[in-house]
PDB file of N, CA and C in Angstrom:
ATOM      1  N   UNK A   1       0.602  -1.609   0.409  1.00  0.00           N
ATOM      2  CA  UNK A   1      -0.221  -0.451  -0.475  1.00  0.00           C
ATOM      3  C   UNK A   1       0.400   1.430  -0.026  1.00  0.00           C
ATOM      4  N   UNK A   2       0.252   2.086  -0.783  1.00  0.00           N
ATOM      5  CA  UNK A   2       1.270   3.662  -1.169  1.00  0.00           C
ATOM      6  C   UNK A   2       0.659   3.853   0.380  1.00  0.00           C
ATOM      7  N   UNK A   3       1.993   5.455   1.021  1.00  0.00           N
ATOM      8  CA  UNK A   3       1.685   6.057   1.748  1.00  0.00           C
ATOM      9  C   UNK A   3       1.524   7.392   1.264  1.00  0.00           C
ATOM     10  N   UNK A   4       0.270   7.670   2.133  1.00  0.00           N
ATOM     11  CA  UNK A   4       0.065   9.233   1.617  1.00  0.00           C
ATOM     12  C   UNK A   4       0.990  10.055   0.718  1.00  0.00           C
ATOM     13  N   UNK A   5       1.638   9.925   1.266  1.00  0.00           N
ATOM     14  CA  UNK A   5       3.125  10.615   0.213  1.00  0.00           C
ATOM     15  C   UNK A   5       3.263  10.894  -0.489  1.00  0.00           C
ATOM     16  N   UNK A   6       3.576   8.849  -0.529  1.00  0.00           N
ATOM     17  CA  UNK A   6       3.566   8.626  -1.774  1.00  0.00           C
ATOM     18  C   UNK A   6       2.689   9.007  -2.754  1.00  0.00           C
ATOM     19  N   UNK A   7       0.986   9.170  -2.288  1.00  0.00           N
ATOM     20  CA  UNK A   7       0.312   9.166  -3.931  1.00  0.00           C
ATOM     21  C   UNK A   7       0.014  11.047  -3.627  1.00  0.00           C
ATOM     22  N   UNK A   8       0.467  11.767  -3.268  1.00  0.00           N
ATOM     23  CA  UNK A   8       0.645  12.963  -3.337  1.00  0.00           C
ATOM     24  C   UNK A   8       2.040  13.528  -3.925  1.00  0.00           C
ATOM     25  N   UNK A   9       3.215  12.932  -4.352  1.00  0.00           N
ATOM     26  CA  UNK A   9       3.707  12.636  -5.267  1.00  0.00           C
ATOM     27  C   UNK A   9       3.187  11.991  -6.485  1.00  0.00           C
ATOM     28  N   UNK A  10       2.743  11.285  -6.616  1.00  0.00           N
ATOM     29  CA  UNK A  10       2.949  11.068  -7.946  1.00  0.00           C
ATOM     30  C   UNK A  10       1.584  11.519  -7.984  1.00  0.00           C
ATOM     31  N   UNK A  11       0.896  12.365  -7.110  1.00  0.00           N
ATOM     32  CA  UNK A  11      -0.350  12.705  -7.500  1.00  0.00           C
ATOM     33  C   UNK A  11       0.074  14.083  -8.970  1.00  0.00           C
ATOM     34  N   UNK A  12       1.292  14.547  -8.892  1.00  0.00           N
ATOM     35  CA  UNK A  12       1.545  16.087  -8.755  1.00  0.00           C
ATOM     36  C   UNK A  12       1.797  15.507  -9.912  1.00  0.00           C
ATOM     37  N   UNK A  13       3.160  14.389 -10.616  1.00  0.00           N
ATOM     38  CA  UNK A  13       2.917  14.264 -11.537  1.00  0.00           C
ATOM     39  C   UNK A  13       2.198  13.878 -12.532  1.00  0.00           C
ATOM     40  N   UNK A  14       0.668  13.618 -12.597  1.00  0.00           N
ATOM     41  CA  UNK A  14      -0.404  13.584 -13.383  1.00  0.00           C
ATOM     42  C   UNK A  14      -0.889  14.386 -14.130  1.00  0.00           C
ATOM     43  N   UNK A  15      -1.478  14.257 -15.233  1.00  0.00           N
ATOM     44  CA  UNK A  15      -2.254  15.160 -16.408  1.00  0.00           C
ATOM     45  C   UNK A  15      -3.742  14.748 -15.695  1.00  0.00           C
ATOM     46  N   UNK A  16      -4.498  13.652 -15.756  1.00  0.00           N
ATOM     47  CA  UNK A  16      -5.474  13.848 -15.223  1.00  0.00           C
ATOM     48  C   UNK A  16      -5.521  12.296 -14.115  1.00  0.00           C
ATOM     49  N   UNK A  17      -6.686  12.045 -13.897  1.00  0.00           N
ATOM     50  CA  UNK A  17      -7.157  11.368 -13.402  1.00  0.00           C
ATOM     51  C   UNK A  17      -8.682  10.705 -13.166  1.00  0.00           C
ATOM     52  N   UNK A  18      -8.644   9.230 -12.742  1.00  0.00           N
ATOM     53  CA  UNK A  18      -9.981   8.356 -13.112  1.00  0.00           C
ATOM     54  C   UNK A  18     -10.995   8.983 -11.528  1.00  0.00           C
ATOM     55  N   UNK A  19     -11.909   8.877 -11.406  1.00  0.00           N
ATOM     56  CA  UNK A  19     -12.843   9.431 -10.321  1.00  0.00           C
ATOM     57  C   UNK A  19     -12.212   9.056  -8.669  1.00  0.00           C
ATOM     58  N   UNK A  20     -11.761   7.272  -8.745  1.00  0.00           N
ATOM     59  CA  UNK A  20     -11.194   6.757  -7.822  1.00  0.00           C
ATOM     60  C   UNK A  20      -9.621   7.457  -7.412  1.00  0.00           C
ATOM     61  N   UNK A  21      -9.106   7.741  -8.625  1.00  0.00           N
ATOM     62  CA  UNK A  21      -7.772   8.567  -8.608  1.00  0.00           C
ATOM     63  C   UNK A  21      -7.812   9.832  -7.887  1.00  0.00           C
ATOM     64  N   UNK A  22      -8.847  10.702  -8.898  1.00  0.00           N
ATOM     65  CA  UNK A  22      -9.137  12.061  -7.839  1.00  0.00           C
ATOM     66  C   UNK A  22      -9.606  11.560  -6.565  1.00  0.00           C
ATOM     67  N   UNK A  23     -10.424  10.995  -6.451  1.00  0.00           N
ATOM     68  CA  UNK A  23     -10.569  10.872  -4.736  1.00  0.00           C
ATOM     69  C   UNK A  23      -9.274  10.589  -4.063  1.00  0.00           C
ATOM     70  N   UNK A  24      -8.529   9.687  -4.350  1.00  0.00           N
ATOM     71  CA  UNK A  24      -7.281   9.077  -3.848  1.00  0.00           C
ATOM     72  C   UNK A  24      -6.685  10.402  -3.490  1.00  0.00           C
ATOM     73  N   UNK A  25      -6.262  10.964  -4.876  1.00  0.00           N
ATOM     74  CA  UNK A  25      -5.460  12.508  -4.559  1.00  0.00           C
ATOM     75  C   UNK A  25      -6.032  14.115  -3.736  1.00  0.00           C
ATOM     76  N   UNK A  26      -7.115  13.893  -3.559  1.00  0.00           N
ATOM     77  CA  UNK A  26      -7.686  15.004  -2.521  1.00  0.00           C
ATOM     78  C   UNK A  26      -8.317  14.710  -1.338  1.00  0.00           C
ATOM     79  N   UNK A  27      -8.111  13.014  -0.971  1.00  0.00           N
ATOM     80  CA  UNK A  27      -8.608  12.605   0.608  1.00  0.00           C
ATOM     81  C   UNK A  27      -9.819  12.890   0.497  1.00  0.00           C
ATOM     82  N   UNK A  28     -11.086  12.600  -0.159  1.00  0.00           N
ATOM     83  CA  UNK A  28     -12.573  12.302  -0.686  1.00  0.00           C
ATOM     84  C   UNK A  28     -12.600  11.727  -0.430  1.00  0.00           C
ATOM     85  N   UNK A  29     -14.118  10.674   0.006  1.00  0.00           N
ATOM     86  CA  UNK A  29     -14.486   9.618  -1.154  1.00  0.00           C
ATOM     87  C   UNK A  29     -14.788   9.598  -2.464  1.00  0.00           C
ATOM     88  N   UNK A  30     -14.902   8.848  -2.964  1.00  0.00           N
ATOM     89  CA  UNK A  30     -15.770   8.942  -4.574  1.00  0.00           C
ATOM     90  C   UNK A  30     -17.380   9.422  -4.729  1.00  0.00           C
ATOM     91  N   UNK A  31     -18.150   9.336  -3.976  1.00  0.00           N
ATOM     92  CA  UNK A  31     -19.161   9.737  -3.552  1.00  0.00           C
ATOM     93  C   UNK A  31     -19.133  10.979  -4.014  1.00  0.00           C
ATOM     94  N   UNK A  32     -18.465  12.081  -2.778  1.00  0.00           N
ATOM     95  CA  UNK A  32     -17.561  13.279  -2.795  1.00  0.00           C
ATOM     96  C   UNK A  32     -17.607  13.792  -4.328  1.00  0.00           C
ATOM     97  N   UNK A  33     -16.731  12.905  -5.324  1.00  0.00           N
ATOM     98  CA  UNK A  33     -16.104  13.068  -6.293  1.00  0.00           C
ATOM     99  C   UNK A  33     -17.205  13.687  -7.075  1.00  0.00           C
ATOM    100  N   UNK A  34     -18.148  12.316  -7.008  1.00  0.00           N
ATOM    101  CA  UNK A  34     -19.507  12.508  -8.030  1.00  0.00           C
ATOM    102  C   UNK A  34     -20.164  13.658  -8.134  1.00  0.00           C
ATOM    103  N   UNK A  35     -20.496  14.242  -6.489  1.00  0.00           N
ATOM    104  CA  UNK A  35     -21.851  14.887  -6.174  1.00  0.00           C
ATOM    105  C   UNK A  35     -21.054  16.361  -6.606  1.00  0.00           C
ATOM    106  N   UNK A  36     -19.681  16.401  -6.677  1.00  0.00           N
ATOM    107  CA  UNK A  36     -19.196  17.646  -7.186  1.00  0.00           C
ATOM    108  C   UNK A  36     -19.711  17.584  -8.545  1.00  0.00           C
ATOM    109  N   UNK A  37     -19.017  17.311  -9.426  1.00  0.00           N
ATOM    110  CA  UNK A  37     -19.575  16.468 -10.519  1.00  0.00           C
ATOM    111  C   UNK A  37     -21.207  16.988 -11.272  1.00  0.00           C
ATOM    112  N   UNK A  38     -21.748  16.430 -10.511  1.00  0.00           N
ATOM    113  CA  UNK A  38     -23.437  16.650 -10.635  1.00  0.00           C
ATOM    114  C   UNK A  38     -23.597  17.523 -10.379  1.00  0.00           C
ATOM    115  N   UNK A  39     -23.155  19.011  -9.067  1.00  0.00           N
ATOM    116  CA  UNK A  39     -23.850  19.656  -9.020  1.00  0.00           C
ATOM    117  C   UNK A  39     -22.690  21.018  -9.998  1.00  0.00           C
ATOM    118  N   UNK A  40     -21.874  20.743 -10.700  1.00  0.00           N
ATOM    119  CA  UNK A  40     -20.597  21.893 -11.757  1.00  0.00           C
ATOM    120  C   UNK A  40     -20.023  22.250 -10.851  1.00  0.00           C
ATOM    121  N   UNK A  41     -19.594  21.646  -9.177  1.00  0.00           N
ATOM    122  CA  UNK A  41     -17.998  22.655  -8.547  1.00  0.00           C
ATOM    123  C   UNK A  41     -17.253  21.591  -9.375  1.00  0.00           C
ATOM    124  N   UNK A  42     -17.002  20.273 -10.017  1.00  0.00           N
ATOM    125  CA  UNK A  42     -16.178  19.996 -10.374  1.00  0.00           C
ATOM    126  C   UNK A  42     -16.840  19.392 -11.688  1.00  0.00           C
ATOM    127  N   UNK A  43     -15.803  19.994 -12.535  1.00  0.00           N
ATOM    128  CA  UNK A  43     -15.659  19.720 -14.054  1.00  0.00           C
ATOM    129  C   UNK A  43     -15.233  18.213 -14.385  1.00  0.00           C
ATOM    130  N   UNK A  44     -15.122  17.749 -15.007  1.00  0.00           N
ATOM    131  CA  UNK A  44     -15.188  15.792 -15.610  1.00  0.00           C
ATOM    132  C   UNK A  44     -15.176  16.467 -17.176  1.00  0.00           C
ATOM    133  N   UNK A  45     -14.073  14.691 -17.343  1.00  0.00           N
ATOM    134  CA  UNK A  45     -14.708  14.787 -18.836  1.00  0.00           C
ATOM    135  C   UNK A  45     -14.337  13.714 -19.521  1.00  0.00           C
ATOM    136  N   UNK A  46     -15.682  13.710 -20.216  1.00  0.00           N
ATOM    137  CA  UNK A  46     -15.273  11.973 -21.586  1.00  0.00           C
ATOM    138  C   UNK A  46     -14.206  11.688 -22.192  1.00  0.00           C
ATOM    139  N   UNK A  47     -13.749  10.616 -22.013  1.00  0.00           N
ATOM    140  CA  UNK A  47     -12.651  10.539 -23.063  1.00  0.00           C
ATOM    141  C   UNK A  47     -13.612   8.245 -23.371  1.00  0.00           C
ATOM    142  N   UNK A  48     -13.968   7.753 -24.752  1.00  0.00           N
ATOM    143  CA  UNK A  48     -14.762   7.547 -24.757  1.00  0.00           C
ATOM    144  C   UNK A  48     -15.482   7.542 -23.751  1.00  0.00           C
ATOM    145  N   UNK A  49     -15.538   5.745 -23.139  1.00  0.00           N
ATOM    146  CA  UNK A  49     -16.213   5.453 -22.374  1.00  0.00           C
ATOM    147  C   UNK A  49     -15.167   5.659 -20.404  1.00  0.00           C
ATOM    148  N   UNK A  50     -14.933   6.312 -20.193  1.00  0.00           N
ATOM    149  CA  UNK A  50     -13.652   6.902 -20.105  1.00  0.00           C
ATOM    150  C   UNK A  50     -13.979   7.721 -18.999  1.00  0.00           C
ATOM    151  N   UNK A  51     -14.502   8.614 -17.664  1.00  0.00           N
ATOM    152  CA  UNK A  51     -14.554   9.666 -16.986  1.00  0.00           C
ATOM    153  C   UNK A  51     -13.240  10.126 -16.396  1.00  0.00           C
ATOM    154  N   UNK A  52     -12.417  11.604 -16.736  1.00  0.00           N
ATOM    155  CA  UNK A  52     -11.762  11.928 -16.195  1.00  0.00           C
ATOM    156  C   UNK A  52     -11.828  13.008 -15.539  1.00  0.00           C
ATOM    157  N   UNK A  53     -10.522  13.703 -15.049  1.00  0.00           N
ATOM    158  CA  UNK A  53     -10.883  14.749 -13.962  1.00  0.00           C
ATOM    159  C   UNK A  53      -9.114  15.467 -14.728  1.00  0.00           C
ATOM    160  N   UNK A  54      -8.975  16.545 -14.970  1.00  0.00           N
ATOM    161  CA  UNK A  54      -7.503  16.564 -15.463  1.00  0.00           C
ATOM    162  C   UNK A  54      -7.460  17.456 -13.737  1.00  0.00           C
ATOM    163  N   UNK A  55      -6.106  17.930 -13.530  1.00  0.00           N
ATOM    164  CA  UNK A  55      -5.550  18.233 -12.436  1.00  0.00           C
ATOM    165  C   UNK A  55      -6.063  19.398 -12.281  1.00  0.00           C
ATOM    166  N   UNK A  56      -6.064  20.343 -13.251  1.00  0.00           N
ATOM    167  CA  UNK A  56      -6.233  21.705 -13.087  1.00  0.00           C
ATOM    168  C   UNK A  56      -7.228  21.927 -12.626  1.00  0.00           C
ATOM    169  N   UNK A  57      -7.968  21.460 -12.829  1.00  0.00           N
ATOM    170  CA  UNK A  57      -9.717  21.243 -12.668  1.00  0.00           C
ATOM    171  C   UNK A  57     -10.440  20.799 -11.028  1.00  0.00           C
ATOM    172  N   UNK A  58      -9.132  19.681 -10.540  1.00  0.00           N
ATOM    173  CA  UNK A  58      -9.620  19.064  -9.111  1.00  0.00           C
ATOM    174  C   UNK A  58      -8.685  20.292  -8.517  1.00  0.00           C
ATOM    175  N   UNK A  59      -7.248  20.646  -8.692  1.00  0.00           N
ATOM    176  CA  UNK A  59      -6.576  21.783  -8.164  1.00  0.00           C
ATOM    177  C   UNK A  59      -7.419  22.854  -7.814  1.00  0.00           C
ATOM    178  N   UNK A  60      -8.438  23.217  -8.796  1.00  0.00           N
ATOM    179  CA  UNK A  60      -9.405  24.570  -8.992  1.00  0.00           C
ATOM    180  C   UNK A  60     -10.334  24.549  -7.816  1.00  0.00           C
ATOM    181  N   UNK A  61     -11.175  23.110  -8.411  1.00  0.00           N
ATOM    182  CA  UNK A  61     -11.535  22.778  -7.218  1.00  0.00           C
ATOM    183  C   UNK A  61     -11.563  22.477  -5.380  1.00  0.00           C
ATOM    184  N   UNK A  62     -10.525  22.394  -5.147  1.00  0.00           N
ATOM    185  CA  UNK A  62     -10.178  22.155  -4.034  1.00  0.00           C
ATOM    186  C   UNK A  62      -9.827  23.130  -3.528  1.00  0.00           C
ATOM    187  N   UNK A  63      -9.138  24.110  -4.442  1.00  0.00           N
ATOM    188  CA  UNK A  63      -8.791  26.175  -4.186  1.00  0.00           C
ATOM    189  C   UNK A  63      -9.854  26.531  -3.467  1.00  0.00           C
ATOM    190  N   UNK A  64     -11.265  25.883  -4.421  1.00  0.00           N
ATOM    191  CA  UNK A  64     -12.342  27.300  -4.202  1.00  0.00           C
ATOM    192  C   UNK A  64     -13.351  26.426  -3.048  1.00  0.00           C
ATOM    193  N   UNK A  65     -13.190  25.465  -2.234  1.00  0.00           N
ATOM    194  CA  UNK A  65     -13.216  25.249  -1.002  1.00  0.00           C
ATOM    195  C   UNK A  65     -13.797  26.230  -0.063  1.00  0.00           C
ATOM    196  N   UNK A  66     -14.465  26.359   0.730  1.00  0.00           N
ATOM    197  CA  UNK A  66     -14.262  27.375   1.915  1.00  0.00           C
ATOM    198  C   UNK A  66     -13.099  27.510   2.477  1.00  0.00           C
ATOM    199  N   UNK A  67     -12.630  28.069   3.066  1.00  0.00           N
ATOM    200  CA  UNK A  67     -12.033  28.193   4.610  1.00  0.00           C
ATOM    201  C   UNK A  67     -12.527  27.356   5.646  1.00  0.00           C
ATOM    202  N   UNK A  68     -11.785  26.823   6.129  1.00  0.00           N
ATOM    203  CA  UNK A  68     -12.333  26.600   7.979  1.00  0.00           C
ATOM    204  C   UNK A  68     -12.246  27.443   8.984  1.00  0.00           C
ATOM    205  N   UNK A  69     -13.020  28.054  10.009  1.00  0.00           N
ATOM    206  CA  UNK A  69     -13.530  29.251  10.423  1.00  0.00           C
ATOM    207  C   UNK A  69     -13.761  29.194  11.939  1.00  0.00           C
ATOM    208  N   UNK A  70     -12.096  29.537  12.137  1.00  0.00           N
ATOM    209  CA  UNK A  70     -12.894  29.189  14.327  1.00  0.00           C
ATOM    210  C   UNK A  70     -12.035  27.676  14.576  1.00  0.00           C
ATOM    211  N   UNK A  71     -10.869  26.993  13.762  1.00  0.00           N
ATOM    212  CA  UNK A  71     -10.649  25.754  14.192  1.00  0.00           C
ATOM    213  C   UNK A  71      -9.080  26.067  15.191  1.00  0.00           C
TER     214      UNK A  71
END
């Protein structure tokens, strides 16, 4: 099993992710990724039957999440 650091390093080299890879790279569940796509918060693209999320889109989605206040 890869450590979180190995996953982060591998993720930084990628141009695009599958739903499952995006979930692992972002520490979110695949259900949360699908919901963000459905709600228009995260842009996914199709290539044939494969759904991919570009690194740029995943970064933008994560950077636009609201900050935690008061912790």
